[in-house]
PDB file of all heavy atoms in Angstrom:
ATOM      1  N   ALA A   1       0.817  -1.236   0.003  1.00  0.00           N
ATOM      2  CA  ALA A   1       0.022   0.003  -0.018  1.00  0.00           C
ATOM      3  C   ALA A   1       0.861   1.280  -0.004  1.00  0.00           C
ATOM      4  O   ALA A   1       0.479   2.304  -0.548  1.00  0.00           O
ATOM      5  CB  ALA A   1      -0.936   0.013   1.217  1.00  0.00           C
ATOM      6  N   LEU A   2       2.027   1.174   0.586  1.00  0.00           N
ATOM      7  CA  LEU A   2       2.945   2.361   0.659  1.00  0.00           C
ATOM      8  C   LEU A   2       4.067   2.323  -0.331  1.00  0.00           C
ATOM      9  O   LEU A   2       4.899   3.213  -0.375  1.00  0.00           O
ATOM     10  CB  LEU A   2       3.520   2.454   2.091  1.00  0.00           C
ATOM     11  CG  LEU A   2       2.501   2.629   3.175  1.00  0.00           C
ATOM     12  CD1 LEU A   2       3.209   2.623   4.542  1.00  0.00           C
ATOM     13  CD2 LEU A   2       1.667   3.873   3.016  1.00  0.00           C
ATOM     14  N   SER A   3       4.108   1.304  -1.202  1.00  0.00           N
ATOM     15  CA  SER A   3       5.187   1.107  -2.099  1.00  0.00           C
ATOM     16  C   SER A   3       5.287   2.292  -3.138  1.00  0.00           C
ATOM     17  O   SER A   3       4.288   2.735  -3.690  1.00  0.00           O
ATOM     18  CB  SER A   3       5.004  -0.201  -2.873  1.00  0.00           C
ATOM     19  OG  SER A   3       5.954  -0.316  -3.917  1.00  0.00           O
ATOM     20  N   PRO A   4       6.532   2.741  -3.393  1.00  0.00           N
ATOM     21  CA  PRO A   4       6.700   3.738  -4.449  1.00  0.00           C
ATOM     22  C   PRO A   4       6.580   3.149  -5.866  1.00  0.00           C
ATOM     23  O   PRO A   4       6.451   3.919  -6.835  1.00  0.00           O
ATOM     24  CB  PRO A   4       8.170   4.248  -4.219  1.00  0.00           C
ATOM     25  CG  PRO A   4       8.846   3.103  -3.513  1.00  0.00           C
ATOM     26  CD  PRO A   4       7.797   2.371  -2.758  1.00  0.00           C
ATOM     27  N   THR A   5       6.558   1.847  -5.989  1.00  0.00           N
ATOM     28  CA  THR A   5       6.374   1.197  -7.294  1.00  0.00           C
ATOM     29  C   THR A   5       5.106   0.360  -7.199  1.00  0.00           C
ATOM     30  O   THR A   5       5.185  -0.847  -6.985  1.00  0.00           O
ATOM     31  CB  THR A   5       7.565   0.324  -7.696  1.00  0.00           C
ATOM     32  OG1 THR A   5       7.839  -0.572  -6.617  1.00  0.00           O
ATOM     33  CG2 THR A   5       8.806   1.170  -7.930  1.00  0.00           C
ATOM     34  N   PRO A   6       3.982   1.028  -7.358  1.00  0.00           N
ATOM     35  CA  PRO A   6       2.675   0.316  -7.083  1.00  0.00           C
ATOM     36  C   PRO A   6       2.319  -0.729  -8.111  1.00  0.00           C
ATOM     37  O   PRO A   6       2.661  -0.585  -9.266  1.00  0.00           O
ATOM     38  CB  PRO A   6       1.658   1.482  -7.137  1.00  0.00           C
ATOM     39  CG  PRO A   6       2.287   2.521  -7.982  1.00  0.00           C
ATOM     40  CD  PRO A   6       3.734   2.390  -7.720  1.00  0.00           C
ATOM     41  N   ARG A   7       1.691  -1.789  -7.631  1.00  0.00           N
ATOM     42  CA  ARG A   7       1.134  -2.794  -8.458  1.00  0.00           C
ATOM     43  C   ARG A   7      -0.417  -2.663  -8.308  1.00  0.00           C
ATOM     44  O   ARG A   7      -0.874  -2.028  -7.430  1.00  0.00           O
ATOM     45  CB  ARG A   7       1.559  -4.177  -7.993  1.00  0.00           C
ATOM     46  CG  ARG A   7       3.061  -4.402  -8.159  1.00  0.00           C
ATOM     47  CD  ARG A   7       3.430  -5.854  -7.996  1.00  0.00           C
ATOM     48  NE  ARG A   7       3.353  -6.248  -6.589  1.00  0.00           N
ATOM     49  CZ  ARG A   7       3.324  -7.509  -6.207  1.00  0.00           C
ATOM     50  NH1 ARG A   7       3.264  -8.486  -7.062  1.00  0.00           N
ATOM     51  NH2 ARG A   7       3.278  -7.806  -4.891  1.00  0.00           N
ATOM     52  N   HIS A   8      -1.100  -3.316  -9.208  1.00  0.00           N
ATOM     53  CA  HIS A   8      -2.556  -3.351  -9.101  1.00  0.00           C
ATOM     54  C   HIS A   8      -3.065  -4.556  -8.368  1.00  0.00           C
ATOM     55  O   HIS A   8      -4.131  -4.449  -7.706  1.00  0.00           O
ATOM     56  CB  HIS A   8      -3.182  -3.320 -10.533  1.00  0.00           C
ATOM     57  CG  HIS A   8      -2.956  -2.054 -11.216  1.00  0.00           C
ATOM     58  ND1 HIS A   8      -2.362  -1.925 -12.458  1.00  0.00           N
ATOM     59  CD2 HIS A   8      -3.252  -0.756 -10.827  1.00  0.00           C
ATOM     60  CE1 HIS A   8      -2.323  -0.644 -12.824  1.00  0.00           C
ATOM     61  NE2 HIS A   8      -2.786   0.075 -11.863  1.00  0.00           N
ATOM     62  N   ARG A   9      -2.438  -5.667  -8.484  1.00  0.00           N
ATOM     63  CA  ARG A   9      -2.855  -6.920  -7.845  1.00  0.00           C
ATOM     64  C   ARG A   9      -1.673  -7.480  -7.083  1.00  0.00           C
ATOM     65  O   ARG A   9      -0.539  -7.534  -7.556  1.00  0.00           O
ATOM     66  CB  ARG A   9      -3.314  -7.933  -8.810  1.00  0.00           C
ATOM     67  CG  ARG A   9      -4.664  -7.615  -9.462  1.00  0.00           C
ATOM     68  CD  ARG A   9      -5.129  -8.737 -10.398  1.00  0.00           C
ATOM     69  NE  ARG A   9      -6.466  -8.552 -10.818  1.00  0.00           N
ATOM     70  CZ  ARG A   9      -6.798  -7.836 -11.932  1.00  0.00           C
ATOM     71  NH1 ARG A   9      -5.818  -7.303 -12.646  1.00  0.00           N
ATOM     72  NH2 ARG A   9      -8.042  -7.680 -12.279  1.00  0.00           N
ATOM     73  N   VAL A  10      -1.979  -7.991  -5.886  1.00  0.00           N
ATOM     74  CA  VAL A  10      -0.953  -8.707  -5.118  1.00  0.00           C
ATOM     75  C   VAL A  10      -1.515 -10.016  -4.653  1.00  0.00           C
ATOM     76  O   VAL A  10      -2.559 -10.099  -3.996  1.00  0.00           O
ATOM     77  CB  VAL A  10      -0.556  -7.914  -3.816  1.00  0.00           C
ATOM     78  CG1 VAL A  10       0.413  -8.643  -3.006  1.00  0.00           C
ATOM     79  CG2 VAL A  10      -0.003  -6.521  -4.247  1.00  0.00           C
ATOM     80  N   VAL A  11      -0.938 -11.113  -5.126  1.00  0.00           N
ATOM     81  CA  VAL A  11      -1.357 -12.482  -4.826  1.00  0.00           C
ATOM     82  C   VAL A  11      -0.612 -12.897  -3.507  1.00  0.00           C
ATOM     83  O   VAL A  11       0.608 -12.721  -3.449  1.00  0.00           O
ATOM     84  CB  VAL A  11      -1.012 -13.443  -5.951  1.00  0.00           C
ATOM     85  CG1 VAL A  11      -1.375 -14.894  -5.584  1.00  0.00           C
ATOM     86  CG2 VAL A  11      -1.760 -12.998  -7.222  1.00  0.00           C
ATOM     87  N   LEU A  12      -1.329 -13.424  -2.573  1.00  0.00           N
ATOM     88  CA  LEU A  12      -0.699 -13.841  -1.291  1.00  0.00           C
ATOM     89  C   LEU A  12      -1.041 -15.329  -1.061  1.00  0.00           C
ATOM     90  O   LEU A  12      -2.181 -15.760  -1.095  1.00  0.00           O
ATOM     91  CB  LEU A  12      -1.336 -12.994  -0.117  1.00  0.00           C
ATOM     92  CG  LEU A  12      -1.105 -11.545  -0.192  1.00  0.00           C
ATOM     93  CD1 LEU A  12      -1.805 -10.848   0.953  1.00  0.00           C
ATOM     94  CD2 LEU A  12       0.386 -11.196  -0.249  1.00  0.00           C
ATOM     95  N   GLY A  13       0.007 -16.084  -0.803  1.00  0.00           N
ATOM     96  CA  GLY A  13      -0.137 -17.522  -0.525  1.00  0.00           C
ATOM     97  C   GLY A  13       0.276 -18.418  -1.670  1.00  0.00           C
ATOM     98  O   GLY A  13      -0.009 -18.124  -2.819  1.00  0.00           O
ATOM     99  N   SER A  14       0.914 -19.491  -1.313  1.00  0.00           N
ATOM    100  CA  SER A  14       1.378 -20.449  -2.290  1.00  0.00           C
ATOM    101  C   SER A  14       0.162 -21.111  -3.057  1.00  0.00           C
ATOM    102  O   SER A  14       0.250 -21.326  -4.281  1.00  0.00           O
ATOM    103  CB  SER A  14       2.205 -21.547  -1.675  1.00  0.00           C
ATOM    104  OG  SER A  14       1.494 -22.246  -0.667  1.00  0.00           O
ATOM    105  N   ASP A  15      -0.887 -21.330  -2.372  1.00  0.00           N
ATOM    106  CA  ASP A  15      -2.124 -21.914  -3.025  1.00  0.00           C
ATOM    107  C   ASP A  15      -2.713 -20.960  -4.043  1.00  0.00           C
ATOM    108  O   ASP A  15      -3.110 -21.358  -5.133  1.00  0.00           O
ATOM    109  CB  ASP A  15      -3.120 -22.406  -1.997  1.00  0.00           C
ATOM    110  CG  ASP A  15      -3.604 -21.336  -1.054  1.00  0.00           C
ATOM    111  OD1 ASP A  15      -2.903 -20.302  -0.828  1.00  0.00           O
ATOM    112  OD2 ASP A  15      -4.632 -21.541  -0.350  1.00  0.00           O
ATOM    113  N   ALA A  16      -2.768 -19.685  -3.705  1.00  0.00           N
ATOM    114  CA  ALA A  16      -3.284 -18.661  -4.625  1.00  0.00           C
ATOM    115  C   ALA A  16      -2.360 -18.490  -5.793  1.00  0.00           C
ATOM    116  O   ALA A  16      -2.868 -18.431  -6.940  1.00  0.00           O
ATOM    117  CB  ALA A  16      -3.423 -17.328  -3.867  1.00  0.00           C
ATOM    118  N   GLN A  17      -1.084 -18.509  -5.571  1.00  0.00           N
ATOM    119  CA  GLN A  17      -0.165 -18.367  -6.666  1.00  0.00           C
ATOM    120  C   GLN A  17      -0.350 -19.518  -7.666  1.00  0.00           C
ATOM    121  O   GLN A  17      -0.360 -19.341  -8.879  1.00  0.00           O
ATOM    122  CB  GLN A  17       1.315 -18.357  -6.166  1.00  0.00           C
ATOM    123  CG  GLN A  17       2.380 -18.142  -7.238  1.00  0.00           C
ATOM    124  CD  GLN A  17       2.386 -16.808  -7.825  1.00  0.00           C
ATOM    125  OE1 GLN A  17       1.904 -15.805  -7.229  1.00  0.00           O
ATOM    126  NE2 GLN A  17       2.892 -16.644  -9.031  1.00  0.00           N
ATOM    127  N   ARG A  18      -0.402 -20.704  -7.145  1.00  0.00           N
ATOM    128  CA  ARG A  18      -0.592 -21.900  -7.957  1.00  0.00           C
ATOM    129  C   ARG A  18      -1.940 -21.924  -8.734  1.00  0.00           C
ATOM    130  O   ARG A  18      -1.978 -22.067  -9.916  1.00  0.00           O
ATOM    131  CB  ARG A  18      -0.488 -23.155  -7.068  1.00  0.00           C
ATOM    132  CG  ARG A  18      -0.566 -24.485  -7.763  1.00  0.00           C
ATOM    133  CD  ARG A  18      -0.307 -25.687  -6.776  1.00  0.00           C
ATOM    134  NE  ARG A  18      -1.044 -25.614  -5.588  1.00  0.00           N
ATOM    135  CZ  ARG A  18      -0.560 -25.255  -4.371  1.00  0.00           C
ATOM    136  NH1 ARG A  18       0.698 -24.915  -4.252  1.00  0.00           N
ATOM    137  NH2 ARG A  18      -1.330 -25.219  -3.315  1.00  0.00           N
ATOM    138  N   ARG A  19      -3.054 -21.672  -8.014  1.00  0.00           N
ATOM    139  CA  ARG A  19      -4.341 -21.756  -8.616  1.00  0.00           C
ATOM    140  C   ARG A  19      -4.549 -20.647  -9.636  1.00  0.00           C
ATOM    141  O   ARG A  19      -5.142 -20.860 -10.725  1.00  0.00           O
ATOM    142  CB  ARG A  19      -5.428 -21.734  -7.566  1.00  0.00           C
ATOM    143  CG  ARG A  19      -6.797 -22.233  -8.084  1.00  0.00           C
ATOM    144  CD  ARG A  19      -7.692 -22.640  -6.969  1.00  0.00           C
ATOM    145  NE  ARG A  19      -8.796 -21.716  -6.944  1.00  0.00           N
ATOM    146  CZ  ARG A  19      -9.421 -21.354  -5.846  1.00  0.00           C
ATOM    147  NH1 ARG A  19      -9.057 -21.832  -4.651  1.00  0.00           N
ATOM    148  NH2 ARG A  19     -10.415 -20.534  -5.880  1.00  0.00           N
ATOM    149  N   ILE A  20      -4.172 -19.424  -9.345  1.00  0.00           N
ATOM    150  CA  ILE A  20      -4.275 -18.331 -10.282  1.00  0.00           C
ATOM    151  C   ILE A  20      -3.431 -18.620 -11.511  1.00  0.00           C
ATOM    152  O   ILE A  20      -3.807 -18.332 -12.613  1.00  0.00           O
ATOM    153  CB  ILE A  20      -4.007 -16.977  -9.611  1.00  0.00           C
ATOM    154  CG1 ILE A  20      -5.147 -16.676  -8.620  1.00  0.00           C
ATOM    155  CG2 ILE A  20      -3.838 -15.872 -10.668  1.00  0.00           C
ATOM    156  CD1 ILE A  20      -4.815 -15.451  -7.724  1.00  0.00           C
ATOM    157  N   GLY A  21      -2.235 -19.154 -11.297  1.00  0.00           N
ATOM    158  CA  GLY A  21      -1.347 -19.456 -12.420  1.00  0.00           C
ATOM    159  C   GLY A  21      -1.972 -20.464 -13.380  1.00  0.00           C
ATOM    160  O   GLY A  21      -1.923 -20.285 -14.625  1.00  0.00           O
ATOM    161  N   VAL A  22      -2.604 -21.494 -12.850  1.00  0.00           N
ATOM    162  CA  VAL A  22      -3.313 -22.488 -13.658  1.00  0.00           C
ATOM    163  C   VAL A  22      -4.424 -21.790 -14.443  1.00  0.00           C
ATOM    164  O   VAL A  22      -4.609 -22.006 -15.667  1.00  0.00           O
ATOM    165  CB  VAL A  22      -3.860 -23.629 -12.809  1.00  0.00           C
ATOM    166  CG1 VAL A  22      -4.816 -24.493 -13.588  1.00  0.00           C
ATOM    167  CG2 VAL A  22      -2.700 -24.494 -12.277  1.00  0.00           C
ATOM    168  N   LYS A  23      -5.201 -20.924 -13.783  1.00  0.00           N
ATOM    169  CA  LYS A  23      -6.288 -20.182 -14.452  1.00  0.00           C
ATOM    170  C   LYS A  23      -5.789 -19.328 -15.557  1.00  0.00           C
ATOM    171  O   LYS A  23      -6.371 -19.291 -16.660  1.00  0.00           O
ATOM    172  CB  LYS A  23      -7.059 -19.390 -13.418  1.00  0.00           C
ATOM    173  CG  LYS A  23      -8.122 -18.498 -13.978  1.00  0.00           C
ATOM    174  CD  LYS A  23      -9.328 -19.265 -14.607  1.00  0.00           C
ATOM    175  CE  LYS A  23     -10.359 -18.296 -15.159  1.00  0.00           C
ATOM    176  NZ  LYS A  23     -11.450 -18.020 -14.229  1.00  0.00           N
ATOM    177  N   LEU A  24      -4.710 -18.627 -15.343  1.00  0.00           N
ATOM    178  CA  LEU A  24      -4.110 -17.738 -16.363  1.00  0.00           C
ATOM    179  C   LEU A  24      -3.693 -18.563 -17.562  1.00  0.00           C
ATOM    180  O   LEU A  24      -3.846 -18.132 -18.697  1.00  0.00           O
ATOM    181  CB  LEU A  24      -2.988 -16.845 -15.780  1.00  0.00           C
ATOM    182  CG  LEU A  24      -3.433 -15.868 -14.761  1.00  0.00           C
ATOM    183  CD1 LEU A  24      -2.197 -15.138 -14.177  1.00  0.00           C
ATOM    184  CD2 LEU A  24      -4.337 -14.853 -15.382  1.00  0.00           C
ATOM    185  N   ASP A  25      -3.067 -19.661 -17.332  1.00  0.00           N
ATOM    186  CA  ASP A  25      -2.653 -20.591 -18.450  1.00  0.00           C
ATOM    187  C   ASP A  25      -3.851 -21.058 -19.239  1.00  0.00           C
ATOM    188  O   ASP A  25      -3.847 -21.074 -20.478  1.00  0.00           O
ATOM    189  CB  ASP A  25      -1.881 -21.753 -17.871  1.00  0.00           C
ATOM    190  CG  ASP A  25      -0.523 -21.413 -17.347  1.00  0.00           C
ATOM    191  OD1 ASP A  25      -0.034 -20.293 -17.666  1.00  0.00           O
ATOM    192  OD2 ASP A  25       0.088 -22.241 -16.651  1.00  0.00           O
ATOM    193  N   GLN A  26      -4.950 -21.403 -18.510  1.00  0.00           N
ATOM    194  CA  GLN A  26      -6.191 -21.838 -19.208  1.00  0.00           C
ATOM    195  C   GLN A  26      -6.772 -20.689 -20.028  1.00  0.00           C
ATOM    196  O   GLN A  26      -7.187 -20.912 -21.184  1.00  0.00           O
ATOM    197  CB  GLN A  26      -7.205 -22.336 -18.216  1.00  0.00           C
ATOM    198  CG  GLN A  26      -6.818 -23.629 -17.523  1.00  0.00           C
ATOM    199  CD  GLN A  26      -7.772 -23.988 -16.378  1.00  0.00           C
ATOM    200  OE1 GLN A  26      -8.441 -23.101 -15.795  1.00  0.00           O
ATOM    201  NE2 GLN A  26      -7.789 -25.265 -15.975  1.00  0.00           N
ATOM    202  N   LEU A  27      -6.811 -19.536 -19.479  1.00  0.00           N
ATOM    203  CA  LEU A  27      -7.350 -18.397 -20.177  1.00  0.00           C
ATOM    204  C   LEU A  27      -6.569 -18.084 -21.404  1.00  0.00           C
ATOM    205  O   LEU A  27      -7.138 -17.783 -22.499  1.00  0.00           O
ATOM    206  CB  LEU A  27      -7.352 -17.113 -19.225  1.00  0.00           C
ATOM    207  CG  LEU A  27      -8.464 -17.058 -18.212  1.00  0.00           C
ATOM    208  CD1 LEU A  27      -8.233 -15.844 -17.291  1.00  0.00           C
ATOM    209  CD2 LEU A  27      -9.869 -16.948 -18.871  1.00  0.00           C
ATOM    210  N   ARG A  28      -5.252 -18.112 -21.295  1.00  0.00           N
ATOM    211  CA  ARG A  28      -4.374 -17.765 -22.446  1.00  0.00           C
ATOM    212  C   ARG A  28      -4.607 -18.819 -23.572  1.00  0.00           C
ATOM    213  O   ARG A  28      -4.756 -18.471 -24.724  1.00  0.00           O
ATOM    214  CB  ARG A  28      -2.896 -17.713 -22.055  1.00  0.00           C
ATOM    215  CG  ARG A  28      -1.936 -17.538 -23.193  1.00  0.00           C
ATOM    216  CD  ARG A  28      -2.124 -16.366 -24.009  1.00  0.00           C
ATOM    217  NE  ARG A  28      -1.902 -15.096 -23.297  1.00  0.00           N
ATOM    218  CZ  ARG A  28      -2.075 -13.900 -23.813  1.00  0.00           C
ATOM    219  NH1 ARG A  28      -2.536 -13.740 -25.022  1.00  0.00           N
ATOM    220  NH2 ARG A  28      -1.857 -12.829 -23.092  1.00  0.00           N
ATOM    221  N   ALA A  29      -4.707 -20.102 -23.176  1.00  0.00           N
ATOM    222  CA  ALA A  29      -4.932 -21.175 -24.192  1.00  0.00           C
ATOM    223  C   ALA A  29      -6.297 -20.969 -24.910  1.00  0.00           C
ATOM    224  O   ALA A  29      -6.387 -21.110 -26.103  1.00  0.00           O
ATOM    225  CB  ALA A  29      -4.814 -22.518 -23.523  1.00  0.00           C
ATOM    226  N   GLU A  30      -7.315 -20.686 -24.116  1.00  0.00           N
ATOM    227  CA  GLU A  30      -8.665 -20.500 -24.705  1.00  0.00           C
ATOM    228  C   GLU A  30      -8.724 -19.231 -25.562  1.00  0.00           C
ATOM    229  O   GLU A  30      -9.365 -19.198 -26.607  1.00  0.00           O
ATOM    230  CB  GLU A  30      -9.669 -20.433 -23.576  1.00  0.00           C
ATOM    231  CG  GLU A  30      -9.938 -21.815 -22.962  1.00  0.00           C
ATOM    232  CD  GLU A  30     -11.088 -21.813 -21.961  1.00  0.00           C
ATOM    233  OE1 GLU A  30     -11.864 -20.867 -21.933  1.00  0.00           O
ATOM    234  OE2 GLU A  30     -11.143 -22.777 -21.185  1.00  0.00           O
ATOM    235  N   TYR A  31      -8.087 -18.215 -25.069  1.00  0.00           N
ATOM    236  CA  TYR A  31      -7.991 -16.953 -25.848  1.00  0.00           C
ATOM    237  C   TYR A  31      -7.344 -17.185 -27.165  1.00  0.00           C
ATOM    238  O   TYR A  31      -7.849 -16.766 -28.294  1.00  0.00           O
ATOM    239  CB  TYR A  31      -7.220 -15.892 -24.978  1.00  0.00           C
ATOM    240  CG  TYR A  31      -6.909 -14.651 -25.741  1.00  0.00           C
ATOM    241  CD1 TYR A  31      -7.878 -13.619 -25.871  1.00  0.00           C
ATOM    242  CD2 TYR A  31      -5.624 -14.396 -26.263  1.00  0.00           C
ATOM    243  CE1 TYR A  31      -7.573 -12.481 -26.593  1.00  0.00           C
ATOM    244  CE2 TYR A  31      -5.336 -13.257 -26.893  1.00  0.00           C
ATOM    245  CZ  TYR A  31      -6.336 -12.255 -27.054  1.00  0.00           C
ATOM    246  OH  TYR A  31      -5.987 -11.088 -27.714  1.00  0.00           O
ATOM    247  N   GLU A  32      -6.161 -17.801 -27.196  1.00  0.00           N
ATOM    248  CA  GLU A  32      -5.470 -18.077 -28.463  1.00  0.00           C
ATOM    249  C   GLU A  32      -6.264 -18.982 -29.347  1.00  0.00           C
ATOM    250  O   GLU A  32      -6.293 -18.741 -30.602  1.00  0.00           O
ATOM    251  CB  GLU A  32      -4.051 -18.655 -28.165  1.00  0.00           C
ATOM    252  CG  GLU A  32      -3.121 -17.671 -27.462  1.00  0.00           C
ATOM    253  CD  GLU A  32      -2.855 -16.400 -28.247  1.00  0.00           C
ATOM    254  OE1 GLU A  32      -2.954 -16.379 -29.460  1.00  0.00           O
ATOM    255  OE2 GLU A  32      -2.526 -15.376 -27.595  1.00  0.00           O
ATOM    256  N   ALA A  33      -6.846 -20.023 -28.797  1.00  0.00           N
ATOM    257  CA  ALA A  33      -7.610 -20.973 -29.638  1.00  0.00           C
ATOM    258  C   ALA A  33      -8.875 -20.333 -30.256  1.00  0.00           C
ATOM    259  O   ALA A  33      -9.319 -20.772 -31.351  1.00  0.00           O
ATOM    260  CB  ALA A  33      -8.065 -22.184 -28.775  1.00  0.00           C
ATOM    261  N   GLY A  34      -9.364 -19.278 -29.668  1.00  0.00           N
ATOM    262  CA  GLY A  34     -10.594 -18.642 -30.186  1.00  0.00           C
ATOM    263  C   GLY A  34     -10.325 -17.393 -31.009  1.00  0.00           C
ATOM    264  O   GLY A  34     -11.272 -16.732 -31.413  1.00  0.00           O
ATOM    265  N   LYS A  35      -9.078 -17.095 -31.322  1.00  0.00           N
ATOM    266  CA  LYS A  35      -8.772 -15.842 -32.010  1.00  0.00           C
ATOM    267  C   LYS A  35      -9.458 -15.730 -33.352  1.00  0.00           C
ATOM    268  O   LYS A  35     -10.059 -14.692 -33.634  1.00  0.00           O
ATOM    269  CB  LYS A  35      -7.244 -15.739 -32.229  1.00  0.00           C
ATOM    270  CG  LYS A  35      -6.820 -14.474 -32.915  1.00  0.00           C
ATOM    271  CD  LYS A  35      -5.340 -14.325 -33.022  1.00  0.00           C
ATOM    272  CE  LYS A  35      -4.936 -13.077 -33.744  1.00  0.00           C
ATOM    273  NZ  LYS A  35      -3.486 -12.964 -33.949  1.00  0.00           N
ATOM    274  N   ASP A  36      -9.414 -16.767 -34.153  1.00  0.00           N
ATOM    275  CA  ASP A  36     -10.051 -16.744 -35.489  1.00  0.00           C
ATOM    276  C   ASP A  36     -11.564 -16.534 -35.410  1.00  0.00           C
ATOM    277  O   ASP A  36     -12.157 -15.758 -36.156  1.00  0.00           O
ATOM    278  CB  ASP A  36      -9.724 -17.969 -36.293  1.00  0.00           C
ATOM    279  CG  ASP A  36      -8.220 -18.070 -36.685  1.00  0.00           C
ATOM    280  OD1 ASP A  36      -7.570 -16.975 -36.728  1.00  0.00           O
ATOM    281  OD2 ASP A  36      -7.754 -19.156 -36.959  1.00  0.00           O
ATOM    282  N   VAL A  37     -12.183 -17.165 -34.427  1.00  0.00           N
ATOM    283  CA  VAL A  37     -13.612 -16.989 -34.197  1.00  0.00           C
ATOM    284  C   VAL A  37     -13.886 -15.538 -33.833  1.00  0.00           C
ATOM    285  O   VAL A  37     -14.811 -14.960 -34.357  1.00  0.00           O
ATOM    286  CB  VAL A  37     -14.179 -17.990 -33.183  1.00  0.00           C
ATOM    287  CG1 VAL A  37     -15.647 -17.671 -32.784  1.00  0.00           C
ATOM    288  CG2 VAL A  37     -14.083 -19.401 -33.686  1.00  0.00           C
ATOM    289  N   ALA A  38     -13.115 -14.978 -32.874  1.00  0.00           N
ATOM    290  CA  ALA A  38     -13.341 -13.614 -32.469  1.00  0.00           C
ATOM    291  C   ALA A  38     -13.271 -12.686 -33.608  1.00  0.00           C
ATOM    292  O   ALA A  38     -14.154 -11.792 -33.812  1.00  0.00           O
ATOM    293  CB  ALA A  38     -12.337 -13.240 -31.345  1.00  0.00           C
ATOM    294  N   LEU A  39     -12.237 -12.787 -34.437  1.00  0.00           N
ATOM    295  CA  LEU A  39     -12.010 -11.876 -35.558  1.00  0.00           C
ATOM    296  C   LEU A  39     -13.054 -12.085 -36.631  1.00  0.00           C
ATOM    297  O   LEU A  39     -13.381 -11.143 -37.363  1.00  0.00           O
ATOM    298  CB  LEU A  39     -10.585 -12.059 -36.129  1.00  0.00           C
ATOM    299  CG  LEU A  39      -9.447 -11.797 -35.152  1.00  0.00           C
ATOM    300  CD1 LEU A  39      -8.092 -12.081 -35.833  1.00  0.00           C
ATOM    301  CD2 LEU A  39      -9.502 -10.368 -34.655  1.00  0.00           C
TER     302      LEU A  39
END
């Protein structure tokens, strides 16, 4: 909260780091697979 180099999101805990990482990988894969449909 007081950092001179602010971030928007802070993940806390090994379980959160792991689970959010898996979700981000899934989102990226689905995003890329659907690019042609989106366009």
